[in-house]
Amino acid sequence: MAEALWVGLALLLIFEGMMPFINPESARRMYAMMAAQSNQSLRTAGLLAMVIGLIILYLVR
């Protein structure tokens, strides 16, 4: 179980690091747009991402 969590964390870091590595200017614009969003918008996007992740995890397992 712990090994799977470490693998998941490693994959998360790899995917999160791809955008700034491949296209740093686009990543900078994206972060600026996110900073301008309201807290409610960010929470909604985070909740949607978590739900989609859970669905994918359920389908894979």
PDB file of N, CA and C in Angstrom:
ATOM      1  N   MET A   1       0.816  -1.190   0.000  1.00  0.00           N
ATOM      2  CA  MET A   1       0.000   0.000   0.000  1.00  0.00           C
ATOM      3  C   MET A   1       0.866   1.263   0.000  1.00  0.00           C
ATOM      4  N   ALA A   2       1.854   1.318   0.856  1.00  0.00           N
ATOM      5  CA  ALA A   2       2.721   2.498   0.931  1.00  0.00           C
ATOM      6  C   ALA A   2       3.490   2.687  -0.372  1.00  0.00           C
ATOM      7  N   GLU A   3       3.890   1.579  -0.982  1.00  0.00           N
ATOM      8  CA  GLU A   3       4.629   1.673  -2.251  1.00  0.00           C
ATOM      9  C   GLU A   3       3.756   2.314  -3.331  1.00  0.00           C
ATOM     10  N   ALA A   4       2.482   1.954  -3.375  1.00  0.00           N
ATOM     11  CA  ALA A   4       1.570   2.527  -4.366  1.00  0.00           C
ATOM     12  C   ALA A   4       1.405   4.029  -4.143  1.00  0.00           C
ATOM     13  N   LEU A   5       1.372   4.466  -2.892  1.00  0.00           N
ATOM     14  CA  LEU A   5       1.272   5.901  -2.621  1.00  0.00           C
ATOM     15  C   LEU A   5       2.509   6.646  -3.098  1.00  0.00           C
ATOM     16  N   TRP A   6       3.679   6.058  -2.884  1.00  0.00           N
ATOM     17  CA  TRP A   6       4.913   6.686  -3.357  1.00  0.00           C
ATOM     18  C   TRP A   6       4.949   6.743  -4.885  1.00  0.00           C
ATOM     19  N   VAL A   7       4.480   5.673  -5.535  1.00  0.00           N
ATOM     20  CA  VAL A   7       4.426   5.670  -6.999  1.00  0.00           C
ATOM     21  C   VAL A   7       3.474   6.754  -7.478  1.00  0.00           C
ATOM     22  N   GLY A   8       2.323   6.874  -6.817  1.00  0.00           N
ATOM     23  CA  GLY A   8       1.359   7.902  -7.180  1.00  0.00           C
ATOM     24  C   GLY A   8       1.928   9.303  -7.005  1.00  0.00           C
ATOM     25  N   LEU A   9       2.621   9.529  -5.912  1.00  0.00           N
ATOM     26  CA  LEU A   9       3.248  10.827  -5.669  1.00  0.00           C
ATOM     27  C   LEU A   9       4.308  11.122  -6.731  1.00  0.00           C
ATOM     28  N   ALA A  10       5.096  10.124  -7.068  1.00  0.00           N
ATOM     29  CA  ALA A  10       6.136  10.302  -8.085  1.00  0.00           C
ATOM     30  C   ALA A  10       5.511  10.669  -9.430  1.00  0.00           C
ATOM     31  N   LEU A  11       4.453   9.975  -9.813  1.00  0.00           N
ATOM     32  CA  LEU A  11       3.783  10.278 -11.077  1.00  0.00           C
ATOM     33  C   LEU A  11       3.168  11.670 -11.064  1.00  0.00           C
ATOM     34  N   LEU A  12       2.589  12.050  -9.944  1.00  0.00           N
ATOM     35  CA  LEU A  12       2.027  13.389  -9.806  1.00  0.00           C
ATOM     36  C   LEU A  12       3.099  14.445 -10.044  1.00  0.00           C
ATOM     37  N   LEU A  13       4.251  14.283  -9.413  1.00  0.00           N
ATOM     38  CA  LEU A  13       5.338  15.249  -9.570  1.00  0.00           C
ATOM     39  C   LEU A  13       5.859  15.289 -11.005  1.00  0.00           C
ATOM     40  N   ILE A  14       5.927  14.130 -11.642  1.00  0.00           N
ATOM     41  CA  ILE A  14       6.384  14.081 -13.038  1.00  0.00           C
ATOM     42  C   ILE A  14       5.420  14.844 -13.936  1.00  0.00           C
ATOM     43  N   PHE A  15       4.127  14.558 -13.803  1.00  0.00           N
ATOM     44  CA  PHE A  15       3.144  15.223 -14.663  1.00  0.00           C
ATOM     45  C   PHE A  15       3.024  16.715 -14.356  1.00  0.00           C
ATOM     46  N   GLU A  16       3.095  17.089 -13.090  1.00  0.00           N
ATOM     47  CA  GLU A  16       3.027  18.501 -12.726  1.00  0.00           C
ATOM     48  C   GLU A  16       4.248  19.268 -13.228  1.00  0.00           C
ATOM     49  N   GLY A  17       5.374  18.614 -13.330  1.00  0.00           N
ATOM     50  CA  GLY A  17       6.592  19.276 -13.780  1.00  0.00           C
ATOM     51  C   GLY A  17       6.740  19.374 -15.286  1.00  0.00           C
ATOM     52  N   MET A  18       5.913  18.639 -16.014  1.00  0.00           N
ATOM     53  CA  MET A  18       6.047  18.624 -17.471  1.00  0.00           C
ATOM     54  C   MET A  18       5.711  19.982 -18.103  1.00  0.00           C
ATOM     55  N   MET A  19       4.630  20.606 -17.673  1.00  0.00           N
ATOM     56  CA  MET A  19       4.201  21.873 -18.282  1.00  0.00           C
ATOM     57  C   MET A  19       5.255  22.973 -18.132  1.00  0.00           C
ATOM     58  N   PRO A  20       5.749  23.248 -16.916  1.00  0.00           N
ATOM     59  CA  PRO A  20       6.775  24.292 -16.814  1.00  0.00           C
ATOM     60  C   PRO A  20       8.067  23.935 -17.546  1.00  0.00           C
ATOM     61  N   PHE A  21       8.386  22.656 -17.650  1.00  0.00           N
ATOM     62  CA  PHE A  21       9.609  22.248 -18.328  1.00  0.00           C
ATOM     63  C   PHE A  21       9.476  22.420 -19.839  1.00  0.00           C
ATOM     64  N   ILE A  22       8.336  21.981 -20.388  1.00  0.00           N
ATOM     65  CA  ILE A  22       8.148  22.022 -21.837  1.00  0.00           C
ATOM     66  C   ILE A  22       7.873  23.443 -22.332  1.00  0.00           C
ATOM     67  N   ASN A  23       7.019  24.167 -21.614  1.00  0.00           N
ATOM     68  CA  ASN A  23       6.627  25.496 -22.061  1.00  0.00           C
ATOM     69  C   ASN A  23       6.490  26.431 -20.860  1.00  0.00           C
ATOM     70  N   PRO A  24       7.595  26.980 -20.368  1.00  0.00           N
ATOM     71  CA  PRO A  24       7.544  27.790 -19.148  1.00  0.00           C
ATOM     72  C   PRO A  24       6.709  29.065 -19.294  1.00  0.00           C
ATOM     73  N   GLU A  25       6.689  29.673 -20.461  1.00  0.00           N
ATOM     74  CA  GLU A  25       5.911  30.902 -20.638  1.00  0.00           C
ATOM     75  C   GLU A  25       4.412  30.614 -20.512  1.00  0.00           C
ATOM     76  N   SER A  26       3.970  29.537 -21.087  1.00  0.00           N
ATOM     77  CA  SER A  26       2.562  29.143 -20.982  1.00  0.00           C
ATOM     78  C   SER A  26       2.205  28.800 -19.536  1.00  0.00           C
ATOM     79  N   ALA A  27       3.106  28.134 -18.843  1.00  0.00           N
ATOM     80  CA  ALA A  27       2.876  27.797 -17.441  1.00  0.00           C
ATOM     81  C   ALA A  27       2.764  29.068 -16.606  1.00  0.00           C
ATOM     82  N   ARG A  28       3.585  30.062 -16.884  1.00  0.00           N
ATOM     83  CA  ARG A  28       3.542  31.336 -16.163  1.00  0.00           C
ATOM     84  C   ARG A  28       2.186  32.016 -16.368  1.00  0.00           C
ATOM     85  N   ARG A  29       1.693  32.008 -17.615  1.00  0.00           N
ATOM     86  CA  ARG A  29       0.374  32.604 -17.899  1.00  0.00           C
ATOM     87  C   ARG A  29      -0.732  31.837 -17.182  1.00  0.00           C
ATOM     88  N   MET A  30      -0.621  30.503 -17.181  1.00  0.00           N
ATOM     89  CA  MET A  30      -1.631  29.676 -16.532  1.00  0.00           C
ATOM     90  C   MET A  30      -1.672  29.957 -15.023  1.00  0.00           C
ATOM     91  N   TYR A  31      -0.512  30.066 -14.393  1.00  0.00           N
ATOM     92  CA  TYR A  31      -0.460  30.336 -12.953  1.00  0.00           C
ATOM     93  C   TYR A  31      -1.025  31.725 -12.637  1.00  0.00           C
ATOM     94  N   ALA A  32      -0.760  32.692 -13.522  1.00  0.00           N
ATOM     95  CA  ALA A  32      -1.305  34.039 -13.312  1.00  0.00           C
ATOM     96  C   ALA A  32      -2.825  34.024 -13.429  1.00  0.00           C
ATOM     97  N   MET A  33      -3.341  33.258 -14.386  1.00  0.00           N
ATOM     98  CA  MET A  33      -4.798  33.149 -14.530  1.00  0.00           C
ATOM     99  C   MET A  33      -5.419  32.475 -13.308  1.00  0.00           C
ATOM    100  N   MET A  34      -4.742  31.469 -12.783  1.00  0.00           N
ATOM    101  CA  MET A  34      -5.247  30.787 -11.594  1.00  0.00           C
ATOM    102  C   MET A  34      -5.261  31.721 -10.394  1.00  0.00           C
ATOM    103  N   ALA A  35      -4.242  32.548 -10.267  1.00  0.00           N
ATOM    104  CA  ALA A  35      -4.160  33.480  -9.143  1.00  0.00           C
ATOM    105  C   ALA A  35      -5.284  34.507  -9.194  1.00  0.00           C
ATOM    106  N   ALA A  36      -5.785  34.790 -10.398  1.00  0.00           N
ATOM    107  CA  ALA A  36      -6.856  35.772 -10.552  1.00  0.00           C
ATOM    108  C   ALA A  36      -8.241  35.182 -10.282  1.00  0.00           C
ATOM    109  N   GLN A  37      -8.342  33.857 -10.206  1.00  0.00           N
ATOM    110  CA  GLN A  37      -9.644  33.207  -9.995  1.00  0.00           C
ATOM    111  C   GLN A  37     -10.081  33.349  -8.542  1.00  0.00           C
ATOM    112  N   SER A  38     -11.388  33.266  -8.339  1.00  0.00           N
ATOM    113  CA  SER A  38     -11.917  33.314  -6.979  1.00  0.00           C
ATOM    114  C   SER A  38     -11.638  31.991  -6.271  1.00  0.00           C
ATOM    115  N   ASN A  39     -11.692  32.022  -4.951  1.00  0.00           N
ATOM    116  CA  ASN A  39     -11.482  30.798  -4.178  1.00  0.00           C
ATOM    117  C   ASN A  39     -12.515  29.735  -4.538  1.00  0.00           C
ATOM    118  N   GLN A  40     -13.758  30.153  -4.747  1.00  0.00           N
ATOM    119  CA  GLN A  40     -14.811  29.195  -5.080  1.00  0.00           C
ATOM    120  C   GLN A  40     -14.530  28.499  -6.412  1.00  0.00           C
ATOM    121  N   SER A  41     -14.046  29.244  -7.394  1.00  0.00           N
ATOM    122  CA  SER A  41     -13.716  28.647  -8.697  1.00  0.00           C
ATOM    123  C   SER A  41     -12.592  27.627  -8.552  1.00  0.00           C
ATOM    124  N   LEU A  42     -11.582  27.976  -7.768  1.00  0.00           N
ATOM    125  CA  LEU A  42     -10.469  27.049  -7.572  1.00  0.00           C
ATOM    126  C   LEU A  42     -10.917  25.801  -6.807  1.00  0.00           C
ATOM    127  N   ARG A  43     -11.783  25.990  -5.815  1.00  0.00           N
ATOM    128  CA  ARG A  43     -12.294  24.838  -5.067  1.00  0.00           C
ATOM    129  C   ARG A  43     -13.115  23.924  -5.969  1.00  0.00           C
ATOM    130  N   THR A  44     -13.932  24.518  -6.829  1.00  0.00           N
ATOM    131  CA  THR A  44     -14.750  23.725  -7.751  1.00  0.00           C
ATOM    132  C   THR A  44     -13.861  22.937  -8.709  1.00  0.00           C
ATOM    133  N   ALA A  45     -12.840  23.586  -9.244  1.00  0.00           N
ATOM    134  CA  ALA A  45     -11.915  22.896 -10.150  1.00  0.00           C
ATOM    135  C   ALA A  45     -11.175  21.780  -9.413  1.00  0.00           C
ATOM    136  N   GLY A  46     -10.761  22.037  -8.176  1.00  0.00           N
ATOM    137  CA  GLY A  46     -10.082  21.007  -7.386  1.00  0.00           C
ATOM    138  C   GLY A  46     -10.987  19.832  -7.091  1.00  0.00           C
ATOM    139  N   LEU A  47     -12.237  20.110  -6.740  1.00  0.00           N
ATOM    140  CA  LEU A  47     -13.196  19.040  -6.473  1.00  0.00           C
ATOM    141  C   LEU A  47     -13.439  18.216  -7.725  1.00  0.00           C
ATOM    142  N   LEU A  48     -13.605  18.879  -8.857  1.00  0.00           N
ATOM    143  CA  LEU A  48     -13.811  18.167 -10.114  1.00  0.00           C
ATOM    144  C   LEU A  48     -12.618  17.274 -10.447  1.00  0.00           C
ATOM    145  N   ALA A  49     -11.413  17.786 -10.243  1.00  0.00           N
ATOM    146  CA  ALA A  49     -10.207  16.988 -10.504  1.00  0.00           C
ATOM    147  C   ALA A  49     -10.152  15.767  -9.586  1.00  0.00           C
ATOM    148  N   MET A  50     -10.520  15.954  -8.308  1.00  0.00           N
ATOM    149  CA  MET A  50     -10.506  14.821  -7.370  1.00  0.00           C
ATOM    150  C   MET A  50     -11.542  13.775  -7.765  1.00  0.00           C
ATOM    151  N   VAL A  51     -12.735  14.206  -8.149  1.00  0.00           N
ATOM    152  CA  VAL A  51     -13.789  13.266  -8.532  1.00  0.00           C
ATOM    153  C   VAL A  51     -13.387  12.490  -9.786  1.00  0.00           C
ATOM    154  N   ILE A  52     -12.846  13.189 -10.772  1.00  0.00           N
ATOM    155  CA  ILE A  52     -12.386  12.506 -11.985  1.00  0.00           C
ATOM    156  C   ILE A  52     -11.272  11.519 -11.646  1.00  0.00           C
ATOM    157  N   GLY A  53     -10.353  11.912 -10.786  1.00  0.00           N
ATOM    158  CA  GLY A  53      -9.286  10.999 -10.361  1.00  0.00           C
ATOM    159  C   GLY A  53      -9.824   9.772  -9.652  1.00  0.00           C
ATOM    160  N   LEU A  54     -10.807   9.961  -8.788  1.00  0.00           N
ATOM    161  CA  LEU A  54     -11.414   8.819  -8.102  1.00  0.00           C
ATOM    162  C   LEU A  54     -12.119   7.883  -9.073  1.00  0.00           C
ATOM    163  N   ILE A  55     -12.808   8.450 -10.049  1.00  0.00           N
ATOM    164  CA  ILE A  55     -13.484   7.614 -11.045  1.00  0.00           C
ATOM    165  C   ILE A  55     -12.473   6.806 -11.848  1.00  0.00           C
ATOM    166  N   ILE A  56     -11.396   7.459 -12.276  1.00  0.00           N
ATOM    167  CA  ILE A  56     -10.359   6.746 -13.013  1.00  0.00           C
ATOM    168  C   ILE A  56      -9.746   5.663 -12.159  1.00  0.00           C
ATOM    169  N   LEU A  57      -9.452   5.976 -10.901  1.00  0.00           N
ATOM    170  CA  LEU A  57      -8.878   4.986  -9.993  1.00  0.00           C
ATOM    171  C   LEU A  57      -9.828   3.805  -9.812  1.00  0.00           C
ATOM    172  N   TYR A  58     -11.111   4.073  -9.668  1.00  0.00           N
ATOM    173  CA  TYR A  58     -12.105   3.011  -9.517  1.00  0.00           C
ATOM    174  C   TYR A  58     -12.143   2.132 -10.751  1.00  0.00           C
ATOM    175  N   LEU A  59     -12.105   2.754 -11.936  1.00  0.00           N
ATOM    176  CA  LEU A  59     -12.166   1.983 -13.185  1.00  0.00           C
ATOM    177  C   LEU A  59     -10.908   1.139 -13.410  1.00  0.00           C
ATOM    178  N   VAL A  60      -9.764   1.671 -12.992  1.00  0.00           N
ATOM    179  CA  VAL A  60      -8.500   0.937 -13.180  1.00  0.00           C
ATOM    180  C   VAL A  60      -8.386  -0.219 -12.192  1.00  0.00           C
ATOM    181  N   ARG A  61      -8.819  -0.017 -10.980  1.00  0.00           N
ATOM    182  CA  ARG A  61      -8.703  -1.048  -9.951  1.00  0.00           C
ATOM    183  C   ARG A  61      -9.864  -1.988 -10.066  1.00  0.00           C
TER     184      ARG A  61
END
